[in-house]
N, C-alpha and C. Protein backbone atom coordinates (compact mmCIF):
# COMPACT_ATOMS: atom_id res chain seq x y z
N MET A 1 34.56 9.11 64.82
CA MET A 1 33.48 8.18 64.50
C MET A 1 32.16 8.67 65.08
N GLN A 2 32.20 9.18 66.32
CA GLN A 2 30.97 9.68 66.94
C GLN A 2 30.43 10.89 66.19
N LEU A 3 31.34 11.70 65.68
CA LEU A 3 30.92 12.88 64.92
C LEU A 3 30.20 12.46 63.63
N VAL A 4 30.70 11.43 62.95
CA VAL A 4 30.07 10.94 61.73
C VAL A 4 28.69 10.37 62.06
N LEU A 5 28.59 9.60 63.13
CA LEU A 5 27.31 9.03 63.54
C LEU A 5 26.32 10.14 63.89
N PHE A 6 26.77 11.14 64.62
CA PHE A 6 25.90 12.26 64.96
C PHE A 6 25.44 13.01 63.71
N ALA A 7 26.35 13.21 62.76
CA ALA A 7 25.99 13.90 61.51
C ALA A 7 24.96 13.10 60.72
N CYS A 8 25.11 11.79 60.68
CA CYS A 8 24.14 10.95 59.98
C CYS A 8 22.77 11.03 60.64
N LEU A 9 22.73 10.99 61.95
CA LEU A 9 21.46 11.10 62.66
C LEU A 9 20.80 12.46 62.43
N ALA A 10 21.61 13.50 62.39
CA ALA A 10 21.08 14.85 62.15
C ALA A 10 20.48 14.95 60.75
N VAL A 11 21.15 14.36 59.77
CA VAL A 11 20.64 14.38 58.39
C VAL A 11 19.32 13.62 58.30
N VAL A 12 19.23 12.47 58.95
CA VAL A 12 17.99 11.69 58.94
C VAL A 12 16.86 12.49 59.59
N ALA A 13 17.15 13.14 60.70
CA ALA A 13 16.12 13.94 61.39
C ALA A 13 15.66 15.10 60.52
N LEU A 14 16.57 15.74 59.83
CA LEU A 14 16.20 16.86 58.96
C LEU A 14 15.44 16.39 57.72
N ALA A 15 15.71 15.18 57.26
CA ALA A 15 15.06 14.66 56.06
C ALA A 15 13.66 14.14 56.34
N ALA A 16 13.31 13.94 57.60
CA ALA A 16 11.97 13.44 57.95
C ALA A 16 10.92 14.46 57.54
N PRO A 17 9.74 14.00 57.15
CA PRO A 17 8.67 14.93 56.76
C PRO A 17 8.39 15.95 57.86
N GLN A 18 8.31 17.21 57.47
CA GLN A 18 8.09 18.28 58.44
C GLN A 18 6.62 18.68 58.54
N ASN A 19 5.79 18.17 57.64
CA ASN A 19 4.39 18.52 57.62
C ASN A 19 3.67 17.79 58.75
N PRO A 20 3.06 18.52 59.69
CA PRO A 20 2.37 17.85 60.80
C PRO A 20 1.15 17.06 60.35
N GLU A 21 0.63 17.34 59.14
CA GLU A 21 -0.52 16.61 58.64
C GLU A 21 -0.12 15.28 58.01
N TYR A 22 1.20 15.09 57.80
CA TYR A 22 1.67 13.85 57.20
C TYR A 22 1.42 12.71 58.18
N ARG A 23 0.79 11.68 57.67
CA ARG A 23 0.59 10.50 58.49
C ARG A 23 0.41 9.29 57.58
N HIS A 24 0.56 8.15 58.15
CA HIS A 24 0.38 6.92 57.41
C HIS A 24 -1.10 6.73 57.09
N ILE A 25 -1.42 6.38 55.86
CA ILE A 25 -2.80 6.11 55.45
C ILE A 25 -2.97 4.60 55.38
N ALA A 26 -3.90 4.08 56.15
CA ALA A 26 -4.11 2.63 56.20
C ALA A 26 -4.82 2.13 54.95
N ILE A 27 -4.44 0.95 54.51
CA ILE A 27 -5.12 0.28 53.42
C ILE A 27 -6.21 -0.59 54.04
N LEU A 28 -7.46 -0.32 53.68
CA LEU A 28 -8.59 -1.05 54.25
C LEU A 28 -8.84 -2.37 53.53
N ARG A 29 -8.59 -2.37 52.24
CA ARG A 29 -8.82 -3.58 51.44
C ARG A 29 -7.80 -3.62 50.32
N ASP A 30 -7.25 -4.80 50.07
CA ASP A 30 -6.30 -5.00 48.98
C ASP A 30 -6.50 -6.41 48.46
N GLU A 31 -7.18 -6.52 47.32
CA GLU A 31 -7.47 -7.82 46.72
C GLU A 31 -6.83 -7.87 45.34
N ARG A 32 -6.11 -8.95 45.09
CA ARG A 32 -5.44 -9.11 43.79
C ARG A 32 -5.60 -10.55 43.32
N GLU A 33 -5.81 -10.69 42.03
CA GLU A 33 -5.92 -12.02 41.45
C GLU A 33 -5.24 -12.01 40.09
N ASP A 34 -4.30 -12.92 39.90
CA ASP A 34 -3.62 -13.09 38.62
C ASP A 34 -3.76 -14.56 38.25
N ARG A 35 -4.51 -14.83 37.22
CA ARG A 35 -4.77 -16.22 36.84
C ARG A 35 -3.61 -16.86 36.06
N GLY A 36 -2.61 -16.05 35.72
CA GLY A 36 -1.46 -16.58 35.02
C GLY A 36 -1.63 -16.70 33.52
N ASP A 37 -2.81 -16.38 33.01
CA ASP A 37 -3.07 -16.48 31.57
C ASP A 37 -3.35 -15.12 30.94
N GLY A 38 -2.96 -14.06 31.66
CA GLY A 38 -3.22 -12.70 31.18
C GLY A 38 -4.48 -12.09 31.76
N ASN A 39 -5.31 -12.88 32.41
CA ASN A 39 -6.51 -12.36 33.07
C ASN A 39 -6.16 -12.00 34.51
N PHE A 40 -6.60 -10.84 34.94
CA PHE A 40 -6.30 -10.40 36.30
C PHE A 40 -7.39 -9.45 36.79
N ARG A 41 -7.36 -9.20 38.07
CA ARG A 41 -8.20 -8.17 38.67
C ARG A 41 -7.53 -7.72 39.95
N TYR A 42 -7.76 -6.45 40.29
CA TYR A 42 -7.29 -5.95 41.57
C TYR A 42 -8.23 -4.86 42.05
N GLU A 43 -8.24 -4.69 43.35
CA GLU A 43 -9.05 -3.65 43.97
C GLU A 43 -8.41 -3.30 45.30
N PHE A 44 -8.28 -2.01 45.55
CA PHE A 44 -7.83 -1.60 46.87
C PHE A 44 -8.55 -0.34 47.29
N GLU A 45 -8.59 -0.14 48.59
CA GLU A 45 -9.29 0.99 49.17
C GLU A 45 -8.50 1.45 50.39
N THR A 46 -8.36 2.77 50.55
CA THR A 46 -7.64 3.31 51.69
C THR A 46 -8.58 4.07 52.61
N GLU A 47 -8.11 4.33 53.83
CA GLU A 47 -8.96 4.99 54.81
C GLU A 47 -9.28 6.45 54.46
N ASN A 48 -8.51 7.05 53.56
CA ASN A 48 -8.78 8.44 53.19
C ASN A 48 -9.65 8.57 51.95
N GLY A 49 -10.28 7.47 51.51
CA GLY A 49 -11.25 7.55 50.43
C GLY A 49 -10.76 7.18 49.05
N ILE A 50 -9.52 6.77 48.91
CA ILE A 50 -9.03 6.33 47.60
C ILE A 50 -9.55 4.91 47.36
N HIS A 51 -10.07 4.68 46.15
CA HIS A 51 -10.61 3.36 45.80
C HIS A 51 -10.26 3.11 44.33
N VAL A 52 -9.64 1.97 44.06
CA VAL A 52 -9.20 1.62 42.71
C VAL A 52 -9.69 0.22 42.40
N ASN A 53 -10.17 0.02 41.18
CA ASN A 53 -10.67 -1.28 40.76
C ASN A 53 -10.32 -1.46 39.29
N ALA A 54 -9.81 -2.64 38.93
CA ALA A 54 -9.49 -2.91 37.53
C ALA A 54 -9.62 -4.40 37.25
N VAL A 55 -10.09 -4.70 36.04
CA VAL A 55 -10.19 -6.08 35.56
C VAL A 55 -9.52 -6.09 34.19
N GLY A 56 -8.62 -7.06 33.97
CA GLY A 56 -7.90 -7.11 32.71
C GLY A 56 -7.93 -8.47 32.07
N ALA A 57 -7.80 -8.47 30.76
CA ALA A 57 -7.77 -9.70 29.97
C ALA A 57 -6.84 -9.48 28.78
N PRO A 58 -6.29 -10.54 28.20
CA PRO A 58 -5.41 -10.39 27.05
C PRO A 58 -6.17 -9.77 25.86
N GLY A 59 -5.48 -8.89 25.15
CA GLY A 59 -6.07 -8.26 23.98
C GLY A 59 -5.60 -8.93 22.69
N SER A 60 -6.22 -8.56 21.60
CA SER A 60 -5.92 -9.20 20.31
C SER A 60 -4.56 -8.81 19.74
N ASN A 61 -3.97 -7.70 20.21
CA ASN A 61 -2.67 -7.26 19.70
C ASN A 61 -1.56 -7.45 20.72
N GLY A 62 -1.77 -8.34 21.71
CA GLY A 62 -0.74 -8.61 22.70
C GLY A 62 -0.79 -7.70 23.92
N GLN A 63 -1.66 -6.73 23.93
CA GLN A 63 -1.77 -5.82 25.06
C GLN A 63 -2.76 -6.38 26.08
N SER A 64 -2.81 -5.75 27.24
CA SER A 64 -3.85 -6.07 28.22
C SER A 64 -5.02 -5.13 27.99
N ASN A 65 -6.22 -5.68 27.90
CA ASN A 65 -7.43 -4.87 27.86
C ASN A 65 -7.91 -4.72 29.29
N ILE A 66 -8.11 -3.49 29.72
CA ILE A 66 -8.45 -3.23 31.12
C ILE A 66 -9.68 -2.34 31.19
N GLN A 67 -10.56 -2.67 32.11
CA GLN A 67 -11.69 -1.81 32.46
C GLN A 67 -11.60 -1.56 33.95
N GLY A 68 -11.88 -0.33 34.35
CA GLY A 68 -11.81 -0.06 35.78
C GLY A 68 -12.24 1.34 36.13
N PHE A 69 -11.97 1.69 37.38
CA PHE A 69 -12.23 3.05 37.86
C PHE A 69 -11.26 3.38 38.97
N TYR A 70 -11.10 4.66 39.21
CA TYR A 70 -10.40 5.12 40.40
C TYR A 70 -11.16 6.30 40.96
N ARG A 71 -11.14 6.40 42.27
CA ARG A 71 -11.90 7.42 42.99
C ARG A 71 -11.00 7.96 44.09
N TYR A 72 -11.03 9.28 44.29
CA TYR A 72 -10.22 9.88 45.34
C TYR A 72 -10.87 11.17 45.82
N PRO A 73 -10.62 11.56 47.07
CA PRO A 73 -11.22 12.78 47.61
C PRO A 73 -10.49 14.02 47.10
N LEU A 74 -11.27 15.07 46.86
CA LEU A 74 -10.70 16.36 46.46
C LEU A 74 -10.60 17.25 47.69
N GLU A 75 -9.85 18.33 47.57
CA GLU A 75 -9.64 19.23 48.71
C GLU A 75 -10.94 19.84 49.23
N ASP A 76 -11.95 20.01 48.36
CA ASP A 76 -13.21 20.61 48.79
C ASP A 76 -14.14 19.60 49.46
N GLY A 77 -13.68 18.36 49.61
CA GLY A 77 -14.49 17.33 50.25
C GLY A 77 -15.29 16.48 49.29
N SER A 78 -15.39 16.88 48.04
CA SER A 78 -16.11 16.07 47.06
C SER A 78 -15.22 14.91 46.60
N ILE A 79 -15.80 14.01 45.85
CA ILE A 79 -15.09 12.82 45.39
C ILE A 79 -14.93 12.88 43.87
N ALA A 80 -13.71 12.69 43.41
CA ALA A 80 -13.43 12.59 41.98
C ALA A 80 -13.49 11.12 41.60
N GLU A 81 -14.15 10.82 40.48
CA GLU A 81 -14.20 9.44 40.01
C GLU A 81 -13.98 9.42 38.51
N VAL A 82 -13.14 8.49 38.08
CA VAL A 82 -12.84 8.31 36.67
C VAL A 82 -13.05 6.83 36.35
N THR A 83 -13.89 6.54 35.37
CA THR A 83 -14.01 5.18 34.86
C THR A 83 -13.24 5.15 33.54
N TYR A 84 -12.72 4.00 33.18
CA TYR A 84 -11.91 3.95 31.96
C TYR A 84 -11.94 2.57 31.32
N VAL A 85 -11.58 2.57 30.05
CA VAL A 85 -11.31 1.37 29.27
C VAL A 85 -9.96 1.61 28.61
N ALA A 86 -9.10 0.61 28.64
CA ALA A 86 -7.82 0.68 27.94
C ALA A 86 -7.71 -0.61 27.12
N ASP A 87 -7.67 -0.44 25.80
CA ASP A 87 -7.62 -1.61 24.92
C ASP A 87 -6.98 -1.22 23.59
N GLU A 88 -7.31 -1.94 22.52
CA GLU A 88 -6.75 -1.64 21.20
C GLU A 88 -7.00 -0.19 20.79
N GLY A 89 -8.07 0.39 21.29
CA GLY A 89 -8.42 1.77 20.96
C GLY A 89 -7.74 2.81 21.83
N GLY A 90 -6.85 2.38 22.73
CA GLY A 90 -6.14 3.31 23.61
C GLY A 90 -6.82 3.44 24.97
N PHE A 91 -6.42 4.45 25.71
CA PHE A 91 -6.95 4.72 27.04
C PHE A 91 -8.09 5.72 26.89
N ARG A 92 -9.30 5.34 27.36
CA ARG A 92 -10.47 6.19 27.20
C ARG A 92 -11.13 6.42 28.57
N PRO A 93 -10.75 7.51 29.23
CA PRO A 93 -11.35 7.80 30.52
C PRO A 93 -12.67 8.56 30.37
N GLU A 94 -13.55 8.42 31.36
CA GLU A 94 -14.80 9.18 31.40
C GLU A 94 -14.98 9.70 32.82
N SER A 95 -15.29 10.98 32.91
CA SER A 95 -15.51 11.61 34.21
C SER A 95 -16.10 12.99 33.98
N PRO A 96 -16.95 13.45 34.88
CA PRO A 96 -17.42 14.83 34.79
C PRO A 96 -16.28 15.83 34.93
N LEU A 97 -15.15 15.39 35.46
CA LEU A 97 -13.99 16.27 35.64
C LEU A 97 -13.21 16.50 34.35
N ILE A 98 -13.42 15.64 33.36
CA ILE A 98 -12.69 15.75 32.10
C ILE A 98 -13.52 16.58 31.14
N PRO A 99 -12.96 17.68 30.66
CA PRO A 99 -13.74 18.53 29.75
C PRO A 99 -14.03 17.83 28.43
N ALA A 100 -15.12 18.22 27.80
CA ALA A 100 -15.50 17.66 26.50
C ALA A 100 -14.48 18.06 25.44
N ILE A 101 -14.30 17.19 24.45
CA ILE A 101 -13.38 17.49 23.36
C ILE A 101 -14.06 18.48 22.42
N PRO A 102 -13.40 19.61 22.12
CA PRO A 102 -13.99 20.57 21.20
C PRO A 102 -14.19 19.98 19.81
N GLU A 103 -15.23 20.40 19.11
CA GLU A 103 -15.58 19.86 17.79
C GLU A 103 -14.44 19.99 16.78
N HIS A 104 -13.66 21.08 16.84
CA HIS A 104 -12.60 21.26 15.85
C HIS A 104 -11.52 20.18 15.97
N VAL A 105 -11.39 19.56 17.13
CA VAL A 105 -10.38 18.51 17.30
C VAL A 105 -10.72 17.31 16.41
N TYR A 106 -11.99 16.99 16.30
CA TYR A 106 -12.40 15.87 15.44
C TYR A 106 -12.04 16.15 13.98
N GLU A 107 -12.18 17.39 13.55
CA GLU A 107 -11.81 17.77 12.19
C GLU A 107 -10.30 17.65 11.99
N LEU A 108 -9.52 18.06 13.00
CA LEU A 108 -8.07 17.94 12.91
C LEU A 108 -7.64 16.47 12.87
N LEU A 109 -8.29 15.63 13.64
CA LEU A 109 -7.99 14.20 13.61
C LEU A 109 -8.32 13.59 12.24
N ARG A 110 -9.40 14.03 11.65
CA ARG A 110 -9.77 13.55 10.31
C ARG A 110 -8.72 13.96 9.29
N ILE A 111 -8.25 15.20 9.37
CA ILE A 111 -7.21 15.69 8.45
C ILE A 111 -5.92 14.90 8.64
N ALA A 112 -5.54 14.64 9.89
CA ALA A 112 -4.31 13.89 10.17
C ALA A 112 -4.40 12.49 9.61
N GLU A 113 -5.54 11.83 9.76
CA GLU A 113 -5.72 10.49 9.23
C GLU A 113 -5.65 10.50 7.70
N GLU A 114 -6.23 11.52 7.10
CA GLU A 114 -6.19 11.67 5.64
C GLU A 114 -4.74 11.82 5.17
N GLN A 115 -3.95 12.60 5.89
CA GLN A 115 -2.54 12.80 5.53
C GLN A 115 -1.76 11.50 5.68
N ARG A 116 -1.99 10.78 6.78
CA ARG A 116 -1.29 9.51 6.99
C ARG A 116 -1.62 8.51 5.88
N SER A 117 -2.89 8.41 5.54
CA SER A 117 -3.29 7.43 4.51
C SER A 117 -2.75 7.80 3.13
N SER A 118 -2.46 9.08 2.90
CA SER A 118 -1.89 9.46 1.61
C SER A 118 -0.36 9.43 1.62
N GLY A 119 0.24 8.98 2.75
CA GLY A 119 1.68 8.82 2.81
C GLY A 119 2.46 10.03 3.29
N ILE A 120 1.80 11.09 3.69
CA ILE A 120 2.49 12.27 4.19
C ILE A 120 3.05 11.96 5.58
N LYS A 121 4.32 12.35 5.81
CA LYS A 121 4.98 12.13 7.10
C LYS A 121 5.57 13.44 7.59
N PHE A 122 5.70 13.52 8.92
CA PHE A 122 6.26 14.71 9.57
C PHE A 122 7.35 14.28 10.53
N ASP A 123 8.35 15.15 10.75
CA ASP A 123 9.39 14.84 11.72
C ASP A 123 8.93 15.23 13.13
N GLU A 124 9.82 15.08 14.10
CA GLU A 124 9.48 15.34 15.50
C GLU A 124 9.10 16.80 15.78
N GLN A 125 9.57 17.72 14.95
CA GLN A 125 9.25 19.14 15.13
C GLN A 125 8.00 19.55 14.36
N GLY A 126 7.40 18.62 13.64
CA GLY A 126 6.19 18.92 12.90
C GLY A 126 6.40 19.37 11.46
N PHE A 127 7.65 19.27 10.97
CA PHE A 127 7.93 19.64 9.60
C PHE A 127 7.68 18.45 8.67
N ARG A 128 7.07 18.74 7.54
CA ARG A 128 6.79 17.69 6.55
C ARG A 128 8.10 17.16 5.99
N ILE A 129 8.24 15.83 5.92
CA ILE A 129 9.49 15.24 5.43
C ILE A 129 9.32 14.53 4.10
N ASN A 130 8.12 14.48 3.54
CA ASN A 130 7.96 13.90 2.19
C ASN A 130 6.77 14.51 1.50
């Protein structure tokens, strides 16, 4: 029995994080509000510079429409920030960190929409099925 207990303690000690930089990050602020009708908001901030904020409301298609941002520190000391909207139009983030969409992508999206509206379908591998 003592051998089993010792083995369990040894496994726990070996499984503990070995990185000396690992430490608990304190949450400085954590605010949440759920009105119970699909409207909500939350915001939290940590001591290492992470900050998240979101406000949501019911959407017309049963989804939650959300507007918000998240911010976090990068390894070089600068701060990354992304603002976003998520609604009937999908998830639309904005940030200087996100590269611009190349012009040819818009043409490909137009072609895909044209194919869908004319009834053309493709399987999971991209082969035309009708």
